[in-house]
């Protein structure tokens, strides 16, 4: 029996893990420490790049496949992407201002406080957006696309992702998934991916999944 292919939950779990960690780090960043502030800005800018890449994959690859089966169903999510893009622009402007302040060694408390508020607002928006996609588009994709079609969509996303970036995504994704999700995912990779890809996938899992869960995963797959 073919395993169900989920185009949304694994990557969304990776994003949730990333956003939770960033929000936690941002709220306790030492404003008086110039290097700590600079590193935080770099992390936030990089996270926005990752999120923009994910949005592009949805807009250009995932949404069109679902839209073909159910015309109009992705309209609301597409509008949410547009609103999200505006929030990203505002965050990038705040980060640019903070980066300049770091260079001048003049970091106003109010500037960092404002960034914390705006980033928290962004996280809240993005979490609701992902919930909406899982409640609507995920279910639609499972019901109206065949397993082969879903696998093809996922493969196109993988091929459109730089190998180093794909590894980075997996390092966020795999530890964020529970065993009931990891087992079918690893089975799908072993059954459908080229041997070298499956081996690399396995190596990344071994590296980033806690040992006790990794051992349980292998026991459940045997």
C-alpha atoms as a PDB file:
ATOM      1  CA  UNK A   1       0.000   0.000   0.000  1.00  0.00           C
ATOM      2  CA  UNK A   2       1.325   3.454  -0.934  1.00  0.00           C
ATOM      3  CA  UNK A   3       1.980   5.842   1.900  1.00  0.00           C
ATOM      4  CA  UNK A   4       0.039   9.084   2.050  1.00  0.00           C
ATOM      5  CA  UNK A   5       2.096  12.057   0.839  1.00  0.00           C
ATOM      6  CA  UNK A   6       1.763  15.218   2.948  1.00  0.00           C
ATOM      7  CA  UNK A   7       2.969  18.377   1.172  1.00  0.00           C
ATOM      8  CA  UNK A   8       2.352  20.711   4.110  1.00  0.00           C
ATOM      9  CA  UNK A   9       2.737  19.311   7.624  1.00  0.00           C
ATOM     10  CA  UNK A  10       6.456  18.369   7.597  1.00  0.00           C
ATOM     11  CA  UNK A  11       7.686  21.703   6.233  1.00  0.00           C
ATOM     12  CA  UNK A  12       5.247  23.599   8.448  1.00  0.00           C
ATOM     13  CA  UNK A  13       6.551  21.776  11.507  1.00  0.00           C
ATOM     14  CA  UNK A  14      10.066  22.847  10.492  1.00  0.00           C
ATOM     15  CA  UNK A  15       8.908  26.453  10.185  1.00  0.00           C
ATOM     16  CA  UNK A  16       7.103  26.358  13.530  1.00  0.00           C
ATOM     17  CA  UNK A  17      10.234  25.036  15.235  1.00  0.00           C
ATOM     18  CA  UNK A  18      12.317  27.769  13.622  1.00  0.00           C
ATOM     19  CA  UNK A  19       9.890  30.557  14.532  1.00  0.00           C
ATOM     20  CA  UNK A  20       9.513  29.364  18.132  1.00  0.00           C
ATOM     21  CA  UNK A  21      13.284  29.300  18.583  1.00  0.00           C
ATOM     22  CA  UNK A  22      13.828  32.691  16.958  1.00  0.00           C
ATOM     23  CA  UNK A  23      11.091  34.309  19.017  1.00  0.00           C
ATOM     24  CA  UNK A  24      12.589  32.903  22.195  1.00  0.00           C
ATOM     25  CA  UNK A  25      16.100  34.065  21.310  1.00  0.00           C
ATOM     26  CA  UNK A  26      14.951  37.518  20.237  1.00  0.00           C
ATOM     27  CA  UNK A  27      13.096  38.250  23.460  1.00  0.00           C
ATOM     28  CA  UNK A  28      16.214  37.572  25.549  1.00  0.00           C
ATOM     29  CA  UNK A  29      18.870  39.077  23.254  1.00  0.00           C
ATOM     30  CA  UNK A  30      21.259  41.277  25.228  1.00  0.00           C
ATOM     31  CA  UNK A  31      20.788  44.722  23.703  1.00  0.00           C
ATOM     32  CA  UNK A  32      23.980  45.971  25.326  1.00  0.00           C
ATOM     33  CA  UNK A  33      26.023  43.327  23.512  1.00  0.00           C
ATOM     34  CA  UNK A  34      26.799  44.524  19.982  1.00  0.00           C
ATOM     35  CA  UNK A  35      27.899  41.107  18.698  1.00  0.00           C
ATOM     36  CA  UNK A  36      24.830  39.369  20.123  1.00  0.00           C
ATOM     37  CA  UNK A  37      22.550  41.869  18.396  1.00  0.00           C
ATOM     38  CA  UNK A  38      24.401  41.459  15.098  1.00  0.00           C
ATOM     39  CA  UNK A  39      24.071  37.674  15.230  1.00  0.00           C
ATOM     40  CA  UNK A  40      20.363  37.971  16.013  1.00  0.00           C
ATOM     41  CA  UNK A  41      19.827  40.243  13.015  1.00  0.00           C
ATOM     42  CA  UNK A  42      21.670  37.763  10.779  1.00  0.00           C
ATOM     43  CA  UNK A  43      19.498  34.888  12.040  1.00  0.00           C
ATOM     44  CA  UNK A  44      16.292  36.823  11.454  1.00  0.00           C
ATOM     45  CA  UNK A  45      17.324  37.875   7.951  1.00  0.00           C
ATOM     46  CA  UNK A  46      18.235  34.300   7.085  1.00  0.00           C
ATOM     47  CA  UNK A  47      14.926  33.008   8.430  1.00  0.00           C
ATOM     48  CA  UNK A  48      13.041  35.448   6.204  1.00  0.00           C
ATOM     49  CA  UNK A  49      14.979  34.112   3.200  1.00  0.00           C
ATOM     50  CA  UNK A  50      13.915  30.580   4.102  1.00  0.00           C
ATOM     51  CA  UNK A  51      10.285  31.610   4.483  1.00  0.00           C
ATOM     52  CA  UNK A  52      10.307  33.455   1.161  1.00  0.00           C
ATOM     53  CA  UNK A  53      11.695  30.356  -0.531  1.00  0.00           C
ATOM     54  CA  UNK A  54       8.929  28.242   1.006  1.00  0.00           C
ATOM     55  CA  UNK A  55       6.275  30.729  -0.128  1.00  0.00           C
ATOM     56  CA  UNK A  56       7.689  30.655  -3.663  1.00  0.00           C
ATOM     57  CA  UNK A  57       7.524  26.860  -3.731  1.00  0.00           C
ATOM     58  CA  UNK A  58       3.902  26.988  -2.681  1.00  0.00           C
ATOM     59  CA  UNK A  59       3.013  29.739  -5.172  1.00  0.00           C
ATOM     60  CA  UNK A  60       4.836  28.227  -8.158  1.00  0.00           C
ATOM     61  CA  UNK A  61       4.667  24.460  -7.586  1.00  0.00           C
ATOM     62  CA  UNK A  62       2.250  23.320  -4.878  1.00  0.00           C
ATOM     63  CA  UNK A  63      -0.684  25.690  -5.316  1.00  0.00           C
ATOM     64  CA  UNK A  64      -0.965  25.257  -9.125  1.00  0.00           C
ATOM     65  CA  UNK A  65      -1.199  21.468  -8.745  1.00  0.00           C
ATOM     66  CA  UNK A  66      -4.043  21.768  -6.229  1.00  0.00           C
ATOM     67  CA  UNK A  67      -5.682  24.614  -8.151  1.00  0.00           C
ATOM     68  CA  UNK A  68      -5.795  22.434 -11.273  1.00  0.00           C
ATOM     69  CA  UNK A  69      -7.890  19.890  -9.388  1.00  0.00           C
ATOM     70  CA  UNK A  70     -10.029  22.436  -7.513  1.00  0.00           C
ATOM     71  CA  UNK A  71     -10.089  25.847  -9.227  1.00  0.00           C
ATOM     72  CA  UNK A  72     -10.292  28.735  -6.761  1.00  0.00           C
ATOM     73  CA  UNK A  73      -9.332  26.821  -3.637  1.00  0.00           C
ATOM     74  CA  UNK A  74      -5.919  28.488  -3.270  1.00  0.00           C
ATOM     75  CA  UNK A  75      -7.214  32.049  -3.646  1.00  0.00           C
ATOM     76  CA  UNK A  76      -7.392  32.824   0.083  1.00  0.00           C
ATOM     77  CA  UNK A  77      -3.961  31.366   0.787  1.00  0.00           C
ATOM     78  CA  UNK A  78      -2.509  33.351  -2.105  1.00  0.00           C
ATOM     79  CA  UNK A  79      -3.968  36.534  -0.617  1.00  0.00           C
ATOM     80  CA  UNK A  80      -2.410  35.598   2.727  1.00  0.00           C
ATOM     81  CA  UNK A  81       0.943  35.251   0.977  1.00  0.00           C
ATOM     82  CA  UNK A  82       0.581  38.784  -0.337  1.00  0.00           C
ATOM     83  CA  UNK A  83      -0.155  40.099   3.159  1.00  0.00           C
ATOM     84  CA  UNK A  84       2.757  38.081   4.497  1.00  0.00           C
ATOM     85  CA  UNK A  85       5.085  39.649   1.917  1.00  0.00           C
ATOM     86  CA  UNK A  86       4.197  43.123   3.176  1.00  0.00           C
ATOM     87  CA  UNK A  87       4.967  42.065   6.750  1.00  0.00           C
ATOM     88  CA  UNK A  88       8.332  40.714   5.572  1.00  0.00           C
ATOM     89  CA  UNK A  89       9.131  44.027   3.905  1.00  0.00           C
ATOM     90  CA  UNK A  90       8.430  45.880   7.155  1.00  0.00           C
ATOM     91  CA  UNK A  91      10.567  43.440   9.131  1.00  0.00           C
ATOM     92  CA  UNK A  92      13.437  43.808   6.666  1.00  0.00           C
ATOM     93  CA  UNK A  93      13.273  47.582   7.087  1.00  0.00           C
ATOM     94  CA  UNK A  94      13.420  47.248  10.881  1.00  0.00           C
ATOM     95  CA  UNK A  95      16.347  44.830  10.615  1.00  0.00           C
ATOM     96  CA  UNK A  96      18.181  47.214   8.286  1.00  0.00           C
ATOM     97  CA  UNK A  97      17.734  50.026  10.809  1.00  0.00           C
ATOM     98  CA  UNK A  98      18.950  47.818  13.648  1.00  0.00           C
ATOM     99  CA  UNK A  99      21.936  46.661  11.607  1.00  0.00           C
ATOM    100  CA  UNK A 100      22.893  50.290  11.015  1.00  0.00           C
ATOM    101  CA  UNK A 101      22.516  51.036  14.734  1.00  0.00           C
ATOM    102  CA  UNK A 102      24.782  48.087  15.545  1.00  0.00           C
ATOM    103  CA  UNK A 103      27.445  49.427  13.196  1.00  0.00           C
ATOM    104  CA  UNK A 104      27.276  52.808  14.896  1.00  0.00           C
ATOM    105  CA  UNK A 105      27.289  51.098  18.300  1.00  0.00           C
ATOM    106  CA  UNK A 106      24.132  53.016  19.184  1.00  0.00           C
ATOM    107  CA  UNK A 107      21.324  50.493  19.775  1.00  0.00           C
ATOM    108  CA  UNK A 108      18.174  52.183  21.115  1.00  0.00           C
ATOM    109  CA  UNK A 109      16.090  50.073  23.472  1.00  0.00           C
ATOM    110  CA  UNK A 110      12.941  51.283  21.719  1.00  0.00           C
ATOM    111  CA  UNK A 111      14.182  49.981  18.360  1.00  0.00           C
ATOM    112  CA  UNK A 112      14.731  46.473  19.700  1.00  0.00           C
ATOM    113  CA  UNK A 113      11.428  46.548  21.591  1.00  0.00           C
ATOM    114  CA  UNK A 114       9.612  47.489  18.389  1.00  0.00           C
ATOM    115  CA  UNK A 115      11.314  44.668  16.488  1.00  0.00           C
ATOM    116  CA  UNK A 116      10.245  42.188  19.162  1.00  0.00           C
ATOM    117  CA  UNK A 117       6.625  43.325  18.906  1.00  0.00           C
ATOM    118  CA  UNK A 118       6.591  43.242  15.114  1.00  0.00           C
ATOM    119  CA  UNK A 119       8.264  39.843  14.932  1.00  0.00           C
ATOM    120  CA  UNK A 120       5.828  38.421  17.468  1.00  0.00           C
ATOM    121  CA  UNK A 121       2.973  39.781  15.345  1.00  0.00           C
ATOM    122  CA  UNK A 122       4.569  38.155  12.306  1.00  0.00           C
ATOM    123  CA  UNK A 123       4.855  34.793  14.082  1.00  0.00           C
ATOM    124  CA  UNK A 124       1.217  34.933  15.155  1.00  0.00           C
ATOM    125  CA  UNK A 125       0.104  35.695  11.596  1.00  0.00           C
ATOM    126  CA  UNK A 126       2.258  32.997  10.080  1.00  0.00           C
ATOM    127  CA  UNK A 127       1.102  30.329  12.532  1.00  0.00           C
ATOM    128  CA  UNK A 128      -2.539  31.040  11.696  1.00  0.00           C
ATOM    129  CA  UNK A 129      -1.700  30.996   7.989  1.00  0.00           C
ATOM    130  CA  UNK A 130      -0.122  27.551   8.226  1.00  0.00           C
ATOM    131  CA  UNK A 131      -3.082  26.246  10.222  1.00  0.00           C
ATOM    132  CA  UNK A 132      -5.414  27.492   7.492  1.00  0.00           C
ATOM    133  CA  UNK A 133      -3.411  25.782   4.750  1.00  0.00           C
ATOM    134  CA  UNK A 134      -3.409  22.489   6.648  1.00  0.00           C
ATOM    135  CA  UNK A 135      -7.153  22.673   7.274  1.00  0.00           C
ATOM    136  CA  UNK A 136      -7.972  23.419   3.627  1.00  0.00           C
ATOM    137  CA  UNK A 137      -5.229  22.795   1.053  1.00  0.00           C
ATOM    138  CA  UNK A 138      -3.660  19.788   2.735  1.00  0.00           C
ATOM    139  CA  UNK A 139      -6.994  17.998   2.899  1.00  0.00           C
ATOM    140  CA  UNK A 140      -7.805  18.981  -0.687  1.00  0.00           C
ATOM    141  CA  UNK A 141      -4.453  17.704  -1.955  1.00  0.00           C
ATOM    142  CA  UNK A 142      -4.890  14.333  -0.253  1.00  0.00           C
ATOM    143  CA  UNK A 143      -8.463  13.913  -1.497  1.00  0.00           C
ATOM    144  CA  UNK A 144      -8.042  15.131  -5.080  1.00  0.00           C
ATOM    145  CA  UNK A 145      -4.447  14.332  -6.103  1.00  0.00           C
ATOM    146  CA  UNK A 146      -3.119  10.834  -6.605  1.00  0.00           C
ATOM    147  CA  UNK A 147      -0.101   9.543  -4.691  1.00  0.00           C
ATOM    148  CA  UNK A 148       1.984   9.779  -7.880  1.00  0.00           C
ATOM    149  CA  UNK A 149       0.892  13.377  -8.433  1.00  0.00           C
ATOM    150  CA  UNK A 150       1.750  14.295  -4.837  1.00  0.00           C
ATOM    151  CA  UNK A 151       5.129  12.581  -5.080  1.00  0.00           C
ATOM    152  CA  UNK A 152       5.834  14.479  -8.299  1.00  0.00           C
ATOM    153  CA  UNK A 153       5.002  17.806  -6.640  1.00  0.00           C
ATOM    154  CA  UNK A 154       7.289  17.022  -3.725  1.00  0.00           C
ATOM    155  CA  UNK A 155      10.073  15.967  -6.085  1.00  0.00           C
ATOM    156  CA  UNK A 156       9.773  19.242  -8.018  1.00  0.00           C
ATOM    157  CA  UNK A 157      10.147  21.193  -4.766  1.00  0.00           C
ATOM    158  CA  UNK A 158      13.217  19.147  -3.841  1.00  0.00           C
ATOM    159  CA  UNK A 159      14.823  19.640  -7.265  1.00  0.00           C
ATOM    160  CA  UNK A 160      14.174  23.386  -7.017  1.00  0.00           C
ATOM    161  CA  UNK A 161      15.994  23.553  -3.660  1.00  0.00           C
ATOM    162  CA  UNK A 162      19.753  23.955  -3.384  1.00  0.00           C
ATOM    163  CA  UNK A 163      21.239  20.773  -1.801  1.00  0.00           C
ATOM    164  CA  UNK A 164      22.750  22.671   1.135  1.00  0.00           C
ATOM    165  CA  UNK A 165      19.491  24.502   1.701  1.00  0.00           C
ATOM    166  CA  UNK A 166      17.557  21.232   1.496  1.00  0.00           C
ATOM    167  CA  UNK A 167      19.825  19.798   4.184  1.00  0.00           C
ATOM    168  CA  UNK A 168      19.137  22.849   6.348  1.00  0.00           C
ATOM    169  CA  UNK A 169      15.397  22.367   5.946  1.00  0.00           C
ATOM    170  CA  UNK A 170      15.692  18.709   6.950  1.00  0.00           C
ATOM    171  CA  UNK A 171      17.683  19.665  10.042  1.00  0.00           C
ATOM    172  CA  UNK A 172      14.712  21.756  11.164  1.00  0.00           C
ATOM    173  CA  UNK A 173      12.056  19.359   9.920  1.00  0.00           C
ATOM    174  CA  UNK A 174      13.048  15.901  11.105  1.00  0.00           C
ATOM    175  CA  UNK A 175      13.470  16.700  14.828  1.00  0.00           C
ATOM    176  CA  UNK A 176      10.118  18.537  14.748  1.00  0.00           C
ATOM    177  CA  UNK A 177       8.125  15.512  13.549  1.00  0.00           C
ATOM    178  CA  UNK A 178       6.660  12.752  15.685  1.00  0.00           C
ATOM    179  CA  UNK A 179       7.264   9.063  15.024  1.00  0.00           C
ATOM    180  CA  UNK A 180       3.888   8.535  13.360  1.00  0.00           C
ATOM    181  CA  UNK A 181       5.014  11.064  10.727  1.00  0.00           C
ATOM    182  CA  UNK A 182       8.676  10.081  10.510  1.00  0.00           C
ATOM    183  CA  UNK A 183       8.067   6.393   9.817  1.00  0.00           C
ATOM    184  CA  UNK A 184       6.001   6.865   6.623  1.00  0.00           C
ATOM    185  CA  UNK A 185       8.266   9.698   5.487  1.00  0.00           C
ATOM    186  CA  UNK A 186      11.406   7.569   5.725  1.00  0.00           C
ATOM    187  CA  UNK A 187       9.591   4.693   4.053  1.00  0.00           C
ATOM    188  CA  UNK A 188       8.573   6.948   1.159  1.00  0.00           C
ATOM    189  CA  UNK A 189      12.136   8.171   0.733  1.00  0.00           C
ATOM    190  CA  UNK A 190      13.555   4.638   0.777  1.00  0.00           C
ATOM    191  CA  UNK A 191      10.951   3.408  -1.697  1.00  0.00           C
ATOM    192  CA  UNK A 192      11.020   6.314  -4.166  1.00  0.00           C
ATOM    193  CA  UNK A 193      14.310   8.223  -3.917  1.00  0.00           C
ATOM    194  CA  UNK A 194      17.593   7.257  -5.624  1.00  0.00           C
ATOM    195  CA  UNK A 195      19.856   5.245  -3.272  1.00  0.00           C
ATOM    196  CA  UNK A 196      22.323   8.098  -2.753  1.00  0.00           C
ATOM    197  CA  UNK A 197      19.492  10.472  -1.834  1.00  0.00           C
ATOM    198  CA  UNK A 198      17.986   7.956   0.590  1.00  0.00           C
ATOM    199  CA  UNK A 199      21.400   7.420   2.203  1.00  0.00           C
ATOM    200  CA  UNK A 200      21.920  11.146   2.687  1.00  0.00           C
ATOM    201  CA  UNK A 201      18.397  11.509   4.088  1.00  0.00           C
ATOM    202  CA  UNK A 202      19.151   8.710   6.543  1.00  0.00           C
ATOM    203  CA  UNK A 203      22.465  10.313   7.549  1.00  0.00           C
ATOM    204  CA  UNK A 204      20.813  13.670   8.248  1.00  0.00           C
ATOM    205  CA  UNK A 205      18.156  11.950  10.352  1.00  0.00           C
ATOM    206  CA  UNK A 206      20.793  10.111  12.338  1.00  0.00           C
ATOM    207  CA  UNK A 207      22.555  13.409  12.997  1.00  0.00           C
ATOM    208  CA  UNK A 208      19.640  15.603  14.046  1.00  0.00           C
ATOM    209  CA  UNK A 209      16.978  13.295  15.537  1.00  0.00           C
ATOM    210  CA  UNK A 210      17.571  12.532  19.249  1.00  0.00           C
ATOM    211  CA  UNK A 211      19.088   9.083  19.719  1.00  0.00           C
ATOM    212  CA  UNK A 212      16.184   7.518  21.610  1.00  0.00           C
ATOM    213  CA  UNK A 213      13.707   8.624  18.926  1.00  0.00           C
ATOM    214  CA  UNK A 214      16.060   7.540  16.136  1.00  0.00           C
ATOM    215  CA  UNK A 215      16.282   4.063  17.659  1.00  0.00           C
ATOM    216  CA  UNK A 216      12.507   3.904  18.031  1.00  0.00           C
ATOM    217  CA  UNK A 217      12.100   4.965  14.401  1.00  0.00           C
ATOM    218  CA  UNK A 218      14.236   2.082  13.177  1.00  0.00           C
ATOM    219  CA  UNK A 219      12.432  -0.402  15.403  1.00  0.00           C
ATOM    220  CA  UNK A 220       9.069   0.711  13.976  1.00  0.00           C
ATOM    221  CA  UNK A 221      10.329   0.457  10.401  1.00  0.00           C
ATOM    222  CA  UNK A 222      11.544  -3.137  10.778  1.00  0.00           C
END
